[in-house]
Amino acid sequence: MDEPLPGRCRVRAWRPAVPGIAEVFHARIVDYAYPLHVHDTWTVLIVDDGAIAYDLDRRSCGASLGTVAVLPPGVVHNGKPAPGTAAGFRKRNLYLEPSFLPAALVGPAVDRTTVDDPALRAALAALHDALAAGVGPLDAEARLALIGERIAGHLAPRTAAARRPESPVADRLRDLLDARLTDPLPLREAAALLDRSVPHLVRSFTRRHGLSPHAYVLGRRVEAARTRLLAGARPADVAVELGFHDQAHLTRHFRRHTSTTPGRYARGRP
């Protein structure tokens, strides 16, 4: 379709610095139909308002509130507001790298494109909210890994029980995070080094240390910021040195951990 989007359609898209995510796509679509097309990526979408009708590999499918739609890479599909939804629909898509799920799950995703799982839907909505707020890559990567594991569980029966959390692996991950405090190692790289899956690393770390890898890194950075501030460093310099986006980013997390701002904290020195 060569026609421009109608005035009532709105699109927001960006590529976050999160391993595995090729694009985040939020849209409100009214009086418009997507033509037949394919993506090189997995498409995982949730609907926030209205309903979507789409054909996937010549099969009539749909997505609505409460469900999750999983469209595999390389499979032809289209999309339009479902009949009876004059106001169109609002959706949030994640376009995920082909390695997000095993290639063997492409067929099952065609057969079972719609997933009815309120917990999965809530996890995806929370991830979208976090991405829109500029959450750190470590947090987003951990959330995405657990989401991928849950989707895979819907598309194919589990062939083996999940590995129990391992304290030694959690401690090794902690050491890796400590060594890269200002530039954390992506979890997929840590998983390769430790010969474990990302979901297993996240579960093991959380069980062992009582918080997620992302929360651990933030806490360690705030501790390091306190030391530097009391030594006389400027908050803006501390933010850059410790890997925060900017001083505002440091201030937000510093206040959450200490109940005060970096500036007030530093001014308390004798």
C-alpha atoms as a PDB file:
ATOM      1  CA  MET A   1       0.000   0.000   0.000  1.00  0.00           C
ATOM      2  CA  ASP A   2       1.571   3.283  -1.143  1.00  0.00           C
ATOM      3  CA  GLU A   3      -0.841   5.604   0.606  1.00  0.00           C
ATOM      4  CA  PRO A   4       0.477   7.728   3.477  1.00  0.00           C
ATOM      5  CA  LEU A   5      -0.657   6.995   6.980  1.00  0.00           C
ATOM      6  CA  PRO A   6      -3.911   8.766   7.880  1.00  0.00           C
ATOM      7  CA  GLY A   7      -3.695  11.689  10.252  1.00  0.00           C
ATOM      8  CA  ARG A   8      -5.120   9.665  13.124  1.00  0.00           C
ATOM      9  CA  CYS A   9      -2.265   7.142  13.021  1.00  0.00           C
ATOM     10  CA  ARG A  10       0.648   7.709  15.366  1.00  0.00           C
ATOM     11  CA  VAL A  11       3.949   5.841  15.448  1.00  0.00           C
ATOM     12  CA  ARG A  12       6.910   6.000  17.827  1.00  0.00           C
ATOM     13  CA  ALA A  13       9.922   3.758  17.232  1.00  0.00           C
ATOM     14  CA  TRP A  14      13.469   3.524  18.547  1.00  0.00           C
ATOM     15  CA  ARG A  15      16.338   1.084  18.969  1.00  0.00           C
ATOM     16  CA  PRO A  16      17.476   0.756  22.584  1.00  0.00           C
ATOM     17  CA  ALA A  17      20.991  -0.279  23.539  1.00  0.00           C
ATOM     18  CA  VAL A  18      19.732  -3.669  24.699  1.00  0.00           C
ATOM     19  CA  PRO A  19      21.176  -6.906  23.303  1.00  0.00           C
ATOM     20  CA  GLY A  20      18.525  -8.819  21.393  1.00  0.00           C
ATOM     21  CA  ILE A  21      16.150  -5.919  20.694  1.00  0.00           C
ATOM     22  CA  ALA A  22      16.256  -4.679  17.101  1.00  0.00           C
ATOM     23  CA  GLU A  23      13.435  -2.146  17.515  1.00  0.00           C
ATOM     24  CA  VAL A  24      10.714  -0.960  19.870  1.00  0.00           C
ATOM     25  CA  PHE A  25       7.561   0.106  18.015  1.00  0.00           C
ATOM     26  CA  HIS A  26       4.523   1.794  19.573  1.00  0.00           C
ATOM     27  CA  ALA A  27       1.600   2.720  17.342  1.00  0.00           C
ATOM     28  CA  ARG A  28      -2.017   3.791  17.213  1.00  0.00           C
ATOM     29  CA  ILE A  29      -3.549   2.663  13.919  1.00  0.00           C
ATOM     30  CA  VAL A  30      -6.906   3.917  12.619  1.00  0.00           C
ATOM     31  CA  ASP A  31      -8.372   3.326   9.132  1.00  0.00           C
ATOM     32  CA  TYR A  32      -5.190   1.726   7.860  1.00  0.00           C
ATOM     33  CA  ALA A  33      -4.170  -1.776   6.813  1.00  0.00           C
ATOM     34  CA  TYR A  34      -0.620  -3.062   6.658  1.00  0.00           C
ATOM     35  CA  PRO A  35       0.164  -4.820   3.360  1.00  0.00           C
ATOM     36  CA  LEU A  36       1.573  -8.333   3.212  1.00  0.00           C
ATOM     37  CA  HIS A  37       5.205  -8.226   4.325  1.00  0.00           C
ATOM     38  CA  VAL A  38       7.880 -10.127   6.228  1.00  0.00           C
ATOM     39  CA  HIS A  39      10.397  -9.271   8.949  1.00  0.00           C
ATOM     40  CA  ASP A  40      13.847 -10.673   9.568  1.00  0.00           C
ATOM     41  CA  THR A  41      13.053 -10.513  13.271  1.00  0.00           C
ATOM     42  CA  TRP A  42      10.675 -12.109  15.728  1.00  0.00           C
ATOM     43  CA  THR A  43       7.688  -9.844  16.402  1.00  0.00           C
ATOM     44  CA  VAL A  44       6.167  -9.941  19.883  1.00  0.00           C
ATOM     45  CA  LEU A  45       3.225  -7.590  20.315  1.00  0.00           C
ATOM     46  CA  ILE A  46       0.617  -6.665  22.866  1.00  0.00           C
ATOM     47  CA  VAL A  47      -2.573  -4.680  22.272  1.00  0.00           C
ATOM     48  CA  ASP A  48      -3.499  -1.870  24.666  1.00  0.00           C
ATOM     49  CA  ASP A  49      -6.763  -0.829  23.006  1.00  0.00           C
ATOM     50  CA  GLY A  50      -8.996  -2.322  20.317  1.00  0.00           C
ATOM     51  CA  ALA A  51      -8.106  -5.487  18.434  1.00  0.00           C
ATOM     52  CA  ILE A  52      -5.986  -6.527  15.441  1.00  0.00           C
ATOM     53  CA  ALA A  53      -6.863  -8.943  12.640  1.00  0.00           C
ATOM     54  CA  TYR A  54      -3.989 -10.385  10.639  1.00  0.00           C
ATOM     55  CA  ASP A  55      -3.182 -13.211   8.280  1.00  0.00           C
ATOM     56  CA  LEU A  56      -0.086 -15.229   9.111  1.00  0.00           C
ATOM     57  CA  ASP A  57       1.034 -17.728   6.476  1.00  0.00           C
ATOM     58  CA  ARG A  58      -2.484 -17.498   4.972  1.00  0.00           C
ATOM     59  CA  ARG A  59      -4.148 -18.258   8.306  1.00  0.00           C
ATOM     60  CA  SER A  60      -6.620 -15.820   9.835  1.00  0.00           C
ATOM     61  CA  CYS A  61      -5.415 -14.722  13.272  1.00  0.00           C
ATOM     62  CA  GLY A  62      -6.038 -11.972  15.771  1.00  0.00           C
ATOM     63  CA  ALA A  63      -4.707 -10.184  18.812  1.00  0.00           C
ATOM     64  CA  SER A  64      -6.635  -8.326  21.489  1.00  0.00           C
ATOM     65  CA  LEU A  65      -6.373  -7.104  25.062  1.00  0.00           C
ATOM     66  CA  GLY A  66      -4.919  -9.707  27.381  1.00  0.00           C
ATOM     67  CA  THR A  67      -3.155 -11.787  24.745  1.00  0.00           C
ATOM     68  CA  VAL A  68       0.360 -11.840  23.321  1.00  0.00           C
ATOM     69  CA  ALA A  69       0.988 -12.321  19.593  1.00  0.00           C
ATOM     70  CA  VAL A  70       4.239 -13.986  18.504  1.00  0.00           C
ATOM     71  CA  LEU A  71       5.088 -13.752  14.803  1.00  0.00           C
ATOM     72  CA  PRO A  72       8.202 -15.588  13.599  1.00  0.00           C
ATOM     73  CA  PRO A  73      10.805 -14.198  11.211  1.00  0.00           C
ATOM     74  CA  GLY A  74      10.471 -14.823   7.496  1.00  0.00           C
ATOM     75  CA  VAL A  75       6.722 -15.569   7.546  1.00  0.00           C
ATOM     76  CA  VAL A  76       4.368 -13.404   5.458  1.00  0.00           C
ATOM     77  CA  HIS A  77       1.695 -11.489   7.364  1.00  0.00           C
ATOM     78  CA  ASN A  78      -0.398  -8.319   7.289  1.00  0.00           C
ATOM     79  CA  GLY A  79      -2.508  -6.436   9.823  1.00  0.00           C
ATOM     80  CA  LYS A  80      -5.526  -4.186  10.226  1.00  0.00           C
ATOM     81  CA  PRO A  81      -8.107  -3.148  12.827  1.00  0.00           C
ATOM     82  CA  ALA A  82     -10.390  -6.069  13.597  1.00  0.00           C
ATOM     83  CA  PRO A  83     -13.994  -5.795  12.367  1.00  0.00           C
ATOM     84  CA  GLY A  84     -16.091  -3.690  14.707  1.00  0.00           C
ATOM     85  CA  THR A  85     -13.183  -1.622  16.010  1.00  0.00           C
ATOM     86  CA  ALA A  86     -13.905   1.711  14.355  1.00  0.00           C
ATOM     87  CA  ALA A  87     -11.445   3.459  16.651  1.00  0.00           C
ATOM     88  CA  GLY A  88      -8.613   1.216  15.473  1.00  0.00           C
ATOM     89  CA  PHE A  89      -6.075  -0.191  17.894  1.00  0.00           C
ATOM     90  CA  ARG A  90      -3.064   0.700  20.007  1.00  0.00           C
ATOM     91  CA  LYS A  91      -0.203  -1.783  20.110  1.00  0.00           C
ATOM     92  CA  ARG A  92       3.338  -2.137  21.377  1.00  0.00           C
ATOM     93  CA  ASN A  93       5.782  -4.294  19.415  1.00  0.00           C
ATOM     94  CA  LEU A  94       9.189  -5.685  20.150  1.00  0.00           C
ATOM     95  CA  TYR A  95      11.186  -6.661  17.079  1.00  0.00           C
ATOM     96  CA  LEU A  96      13.712  -9.177  18.361  1.00  0.00           C
ATOM     97  CA  GLU A  97      16.808 -10.619  16.757  1.00  0.00           C
ATOM     98  CA  PRO A  98      16.409 -14.000  15.020  1.00  0.00           C
ATOM     99  CA  SER A  99      18.444 -15.638  17.802  1.00  0.00           C
ATOM    100  CA  PHE A 100      15.832 -14.586  20.386  1.00  0.00           C
ATOM    101  CA  LEU A 101      14.174 -17.981  19.988  1.00  0.00           C
ATOM    102  CA  PRO A 102      15.458 -21.207  18.376  1.00  0.00           C
ATOM    103  CA  ALA A 103      14.745 -21.569  14.661  1.00  0.00           C
ATOM    104  CA  ALA A 104      12.895 -24.795  15.484  1.00  0.00           C
ATOM    105  CA  LEU A 105      10.133 -22.681  17.062  1.00  0.00           C
ATOM    106  CA  VAL A 106       9.207 -20.880  13.825  1.00  0.00           C
ATOM    107  CA  GLY A 107       6.706 -23.595  12.877  1.00  0.00           C
ATOM    108  CA  PRO A 108       5.096 -23.778  16.325  1.00  0.00           C
ATOM    109  CA  ALA A 109       4.835 -19.969  16.339  1.00  0.00           C
ATOM    110  CA  VAL A 110       2.845 -20.107  13.099  1.00  0.00           C
ATOM    111  CA  ASP A 111       0.542 -22.724  14.603  1.00  0.00           C
ATOM    112  CA  ARG A 112       0.209 -21.013  18.001  1.00  0.00           C
ATOM    113  CA  THR A 113       0.760 -17.341  17.250  1.00  0.00           C
ATOM    114  CA  THR A 114      -1.632 -16.150  19.976  1.00  0.00           C
ATOM    115  CA  VAL A 115      -0.567 -16.771  23.567  1.00  0.00           C
ATOM    116  CA  ASP A 116      -3.064 -16.346  26.401  1.00  0.00           C
ATOM    117  CA  ASP A 117      -0.851 -15.746  29.425  1.00  0.00           C
ATOM    118  CA  PRO A 118      -1.668 -12.768  31.703  1.00  0.00           C
ATOM    119  CA  ALA A 119       1.716 -12.969  33.487  1.00  0.00           C
ATOM    120  CA  LEU A 120       3.597 -12.887  30.183  1.00  0.00           C
ATOM    121  CA  ARG A 121       1.485 -10.000  28.964  1.00  0.00           C
ATOM    122  CA  ALA A 122       2.148  -8.078  32.181  1.00  0.00           C
ATOM    123  CA  ALA A 123       5.893  -8.736  31.903  1.00  0.00           C
ATOM    124  CA  LEU A 124       5.924  -7.396  28.344  1.00  0.00           C
ATOM    125  CA  ALA A 125       3.965  -4.290  29.334  1.00  0.00           C
ATOM    126  CA  ALA A 126       6.392  -3.667  32.197  1.00  0.00           C
ATOM    127  CA  LEU A 127       9.367  -4.090  29.851  1.00  0.00           C
ATOM    128  CA  HIS A 128       7.881  -1.586  27.393  1.00  0.00           C
ATOM    129  CA  ASP A 129       7.314   0.899  30.212  1.00  0.00           C
ATOM    130  CA  ALA A 130      10.892   0.419  31.378  1.00  0.00           C
ATOM    131  CA  LEU A 131      12.298   0.845  27.875  1.00  0.00           C
ATOM    132  CA  ALA A 132      10.281   4.030  27.365  1.00  0.00           C
ATOM    133  CA  ALA A 133      11.702   5.345  30.659  1.00  0.00           C
ATOM    134  CA  GLY A 134      15.258   4.590  29.539  1.00  0.00           C
ATOM    135  CA  VAL A 135      15.974   1.656  31.856  1.00  0.00           C
ATOM    136  CA  GLY A 136      19.525   0.307  31.879  1.00  0.00           C
ATOM    137  CA  PRO A 137      20.499  -2.408  29.382  1.00  0.00           C
ATOM    138  CA  LEU A 138      21.287  -4.941  32.129  1.00  0.00           C
ATOM    139  CA  ASP A 139      17.776  -4.711  33.564  1.00  0.00           C
ATOM    140  CA  ALA A 140      16.092  -4.845  30.144  1.00  0.00           C
ATOM    141  CA  GLU A 141      18.252  -7.787  29.028  1.00  0.00           C
ATOM    142  CA  ALA A 142      17.324  -9.791  32.129  1.00  0.00           C
ATOM    143  CA  ARG A 143      13.613  -9.066  31.688  1.00  0.00           C
ATOM    144  CA  LEU A 144      13.775 -10.007  28.014  1.00  0.00           C
ATOM    145  CA  ALA A 145      15.527 -13.308  28.729  1.00  0.00           C
ATOM    146  CA  LEU A 146      12.828 -14.396  31.177  1.00  0.00           C
ATOM    147  CA  ILE A 147      10.147 -13.350  28.680  1.00  0.00           C
ATOM    148  CA  GLY A 148      11.827 -15.383  25.948  1.00  0.00           C
ATOM    149  CA  GLU A 149      11.980 -18.438  28.180  1.00  0.00           C
ATOM    150  CA  ARG A 150       8.268 -18.139  28.945  1.00  0.00           C
ATOM    151  CA  ILE A 151       7.340 -17.738  25.267  1.00  0.00           C
ATOM    152  CA  ALA A 152       9.440 -20.774  24.349  1.00  0.00           C
ATOM    153  CA  GLY A 153       7.601 -22.751  27.013  1.00  0.00           C
ATOM    154  CA  HIS A 154       4.298 -21.952  25.293  1.00  0.00           C
ATOM    155  CA  LEU A 155       5.509 -22.788  21.801  1.00  0.00           C
ATOM    156  CA  ALA A 156       7.130 -26.130  22.602  1.00  0.00           C
ATOM    157  CA  PRO A 157       6.731 -28.532  25.519  1.00  0.00           C
ATOM    158  CA  ARG A 158       9.588 -28.549  27.963  1.00  0.00           C
ATOM    159  CA  THR A 159      11.886 -31.484  27.361  1.00  0.00           C
ATOM    160  CA  ALA A 160      13.731 -31.122  30.668  1.00  0.00           C
ATOM    161  CA  ALA A 161      13.191 -29.521  34.032  1.00  0.00           C
ATOM    162  CA  ALA A 162      14.713 -26.108  34.545  1.00  0.00           C
ATOM    163  CA  ARG A 163      18.143 -26.178  36.183  1.00  0.00           C
ATOM    164  CA  ARG A 164      18.077 -25.338  39.871  1.00  0.00           C
ATOM    165  CA  PRO A 165      19.673 -22.002  40.863  1.00  0.00           C
ATOM    166  CA  GLU A 166      23.393 -22.342  41.560  1.00  0.00           C
ATOM    167  CA  SER A 167      25.123 -20.257  44.217  1.00  0.00           C
ATOM    168  CA  PRO A 168      28.648 -20.727  42.797  1.00  0.00           C
ATOM    169  CA  VAL A 169      27.467 -19.495  39.390  1.00  0.00           C
ATOM    170  CA  ALA A 170      25.783 -16.506  41.062  1.00  0.00           C
ATOM    171  CA  ASP A 171      29.020 -15.632  42.838  1.00  0.00           C
ATOM    172  CA  ARG A 172      31.005 -15.895  39.602  1.00  0.00           C
ATOM    173  CA  LEU A 173      28.532 -13.550  37.923  1.00  0.00           C
ATOM    174  CA  ARG A 174      28.895 -11.131  40.829  1.00  0.00           C
ATOM    175  CA  ASP A 175      32.656 -11.137  40.321  1.00  0.00           C
ATOM    176  CA  LEU A 176      32.183 -10.384  36.610  1.00  0.00           C
ATOM    177  CA  LEU A 177      29.843  -7.504  37.428  1.00  0.00           C
ATOM    178  CA  ASP A 178      32.256  -6.111  40.011  1.00  0.00           C
ATOM    179  CA  ALA A 179      35.065  -6.198  37.457  1.00  0.00           C
ATOM    180  CA  ARG A 180      32.968  -4.211  34.964  1.00  0.00           C
ATOM    181  CA  LEU A 181      31.094  -1.918  37.336  1.00  0.00           C
ATOM    182  CA  THR A 182      30.986   1.167  35.104  1.00  0.00           C
ATOM    183  CA  ASP A 183      30.397  -0.814  31.897  1.00  0.00           C
ATOM    184  CA  PRO A 184      28.588  -4.026  32.871  1.00  0.00           C
ATOM    185  CA  LEU A 185      29.171  -7.161  30.844  1.00  0.00           C
ATOM    186  CA  PRO A 186      26.031  -7.983  28.816  1.00  0.00           C
ATOM    187  CA  LEU A 187      24.278 -10.966  30.337  1.00  0.00           C
ATOM    188  CA  ARG A 188      24.463 -12.947  27.105  1.00  0.00           C
ATOM    189  CA  GLU A 189      28.253 -12.618  27.189  1.00  0.00           C
ATOM    190  CA  ALA A 190      28.342 -13.608  30.847  1.00  0.00           C
ATOM    191  CA  ALA A 191      26.143 -16.598  30.016  1.00  0.00           C
ATOM    192  CA  ALA A 192      28.604 -17.702  27.339  1.00  0.00           C
ATOM    193  CA  LEU A 193      31.536 -17.340  29.754  1.00  0.00           C
ATOM    194  CA  LEU A 194      29.762 -19.290  32.483  1.00  0.00           C
ATOM    195  CA  ASP A 195      28.154 -21.858  30.150  1.00  0.00           C
ATOM    196  CA  ARG A 196      24.654 -21.131  31.423  1.00  0.00           C
ATOM    197  CA  SER A 197      21.531 -19.519  29.979  1.00  0.00           C
ATOM    198  CA  VAL A 198      20.680 -15.904  30.754  1.00  0.00           C
ATOM    199  CA  PRO A 199      17.439 -16.836  32.589  1.00  0.00           C
ATOM    200  CA  HIS A 200      19.386 -19.290  34.731  1.00  0.00           C
ATOM    201  CA  LEU A 201      21.958 -16.626  35.594  1.00  0.00           C
ATOM    202  CA  VAL A 202      19.228 -14.171  36.580  1.00  0.00           C
ATOM    203  CA  ARG A 203      17.422 -16.731  38.749  1.00  0.00           C
ATOM    204  CA  SER A 204      20.638 -17.943  40.389  1.00  0.00           C
ATOM    205  CA  PHE A 205      21.849 -14.413  41.125  1.00  0.00           C
ATOM    206  CA  THR A 206      18.505 -13.261  42.504  1.00  0.00           C
ATOM    207  CA  ARG A 207      18.135 -16.335  44.710  1.00  0.00           C
ATOM    208  CA  ARG A 208      21.691 -16.058  46.034  1.00  0.00           C
ATOM    209  CA  HIS A 209      21.981 -12.292  46.555  1.00  0.00           C
ATOM    210  CA  GLY A 210      18.364 -11.208  47.022  1.00  0.00           C
ATOM    211  CA  LEU A 211      18.277  -8.720  44.132  1.00  0.00           C
ATOM    212  CA  SER A 212      18.643  -8.686  40.368  1.00  0.00           C
ATOM    213  CA  PRO A 213      22.001  -8.172  38.616  1.00  0.00           C
ATOM    214  CA  HIS A 214      20.829  -4.716  37.528  1.00  0.00           C
ATOM    215  CA  ALA A 215      19.834  -3.682  41.054  1.00  0.00           C
ATOM    216  CA  TYR A 216      23.153  -4.999  42.356  1.00  0.00           C
ATOM    217  CA  VAL A 217      25.148  -2.926  39.874  1.00  0.00           C
ATOM    218  CA  LEU A 218      23.142   0.217  40.662  1.00  0.00           C
ATOM    219  CA  GLY A 219      23.713  -0.243  44.378  1.00  0.00           C
ATOM    220  CA  ARG A 220      27.455  -0.751  43.890  1.00  0.00           C
ATOM    221  CA  ARG A 221      27.633   2.357  41.711  1.00  0.00           C
ATOM    222  CA  VAL A 222      25.860   4.436  44.345  1.00  0.00           C
ATOM    223  CA  GLU A 223      28.288   3.158  46.979  1.00  0.00           C
ATOM    224  CA  ALA A 224      31.194   4.138  44.747  1.00  0.00           C
ATOM    225  CA  ALA A 225      29.574   7.548  44.182  1.00  0.00           C
ATOM    226  CA  ARG A 226      29.388   8.149  47.933  1.00  0.00           C
ATOM    227  CA  THR A 227      33.105   7.502  48.288  1.00  0.00           C
ATOM    228  CA  ARG A 228      33.987   9.855  45.445  1.00  0.00           C
ATOM    229  CA  LEU A 229      31.649  12.604  46.601  1.00  0.00           C
ATOM    230  CA  LEU A 230      33.096  12.551  50.116  1.00  0.00           C
ATOM    231  CA  ALA A 231      36.555  12.798  48.546  1.00  0.00           C
ATOM    232  CA  GLY A 232      35.495  16.098  46.955  1.00  0.00           C
ATOM    233  CA  ALA A 233      34.515  15.034  43.431  1.00  0.00           C
ATOM    234  CA  ARG A 234      31.786  17.003  41.635  1.00  0.00           C
ATOM    235  CA  PRO A 235      28.474  15.144  41.126  1.00  0.00           C
ATOM    236  CA  ALA A 236      28.592  15.708  37.348  1.00  0.00           C
ATOM    237  CA  ASP A 237      32.077  14.171  37.181  1.00  0.00           C
ATOM    238  CA  VAL A 238      31.058  11.265  39.391  1.00  0.00           C
ATOM    239  CA  ALA A 239      28.082  10.518  37.132  1.00  0.00           C
ATOM    240  CA  VAL A 240      30.302  10.275  34.057  1.00  0.00           C
ATOM    241  CA  GLU A 241      33.008   8.309  35.837  1.00  0.00           C
ATOM    242  CA  LEU A 242      30.619   5.662  37.163  1.00  0.00           C
ATOM    243  CA  GLY A 243      28.644   5.081  33.983  1.00  0.00           C
ATOM    244  CA  PHE A 244      25.407   6.951  34.725  1.00  0.00           C
ATOM    245  CA  HIS A 245      23.734   8.622  31.745  1.00  0.00           C
ATOM    246  CA  ASP A 246      24.123  12.067  33.309  1.00  0.00           C
ATOM    247  CA  GLN A 247      23.921  13.841  36.632  1.00  0.00           C
ATOM    248  CA  ALA A 248      20.107  13.572  36.683  1.00  0.00           C
ATOM    249  CA  HIS A 249      20.397   9.796  36.286  1.00  0.00           C
ATOM    250  CA  LEU A 250      22.857   9.641  39.185  1.00  0.00           C
ATOM    251  CA  THR A 251      20.635  11.889  41.300  1.00  0.00           C
ATOM    252  CA  ARG A 252      17.542   9.731  40.752  1.00  0.00           C
ATOM    253  CA  HIS A 253      19.233   6.544  41.933  1.00  0.00           C
ATOM    254  CA  PHE A 254      21.328   8.250  44.622  1.00  0.00           C
ATOM    255  CA  ARG A 255      18.201   9.768  46.185  1.00  0.00           C
ATOM    256  CA  ARG A 256      16.460   6.383  46.055  1.00  0.00           C
ATOM    257  CA  HIS A 257      19.338   4.716  47.926  1.00  0.00           C
ATOM    258  CA  THR A 258      20.237   7.477  50.395  1.00  0.00           C
ATOM    259  CA  SER A 259      17.139   9.740  50.638  1.00  0.00           C
ATOM    260  CA  THR A 260      19.191  12.776  49.590  1.00  0.00           C
ATOM    261  CA  THR A 261      20.839  14.206  46.482  1.00  0.00           C
ATOM    262  CA  PRO A 262      24.527  13.878  45.606  1.00  0.00           C
ATOM    263  CA  GLY A 263      24.998  17.626  46.046  1.00  0.00           C
ATOM    264  CA  ARG A 264      23.485  17.722  49.540  1.00  0.00           C
ATOM    265  CA  TYR A 265      25.401  14.588  50.462  1.00  0.00           C
ATOM    266  CA  ALA A 266      28.702  16.139  49.400  1.00  0.00           C
ATOM    267  CA  ARG A 267      27.967  19.415  51.192  1.00  0.00           C
ATOM    268  CA  GLY A 268      27.699  17.544  54.478  1.00  0.00           C
ATOM    269  CA  ARG A 269      31.468  17.041  54.564  1.00  0.00           C
ATOM    270  CA  PRO A 270      33.258  18.944  57.324  1.00  0.00           C
END
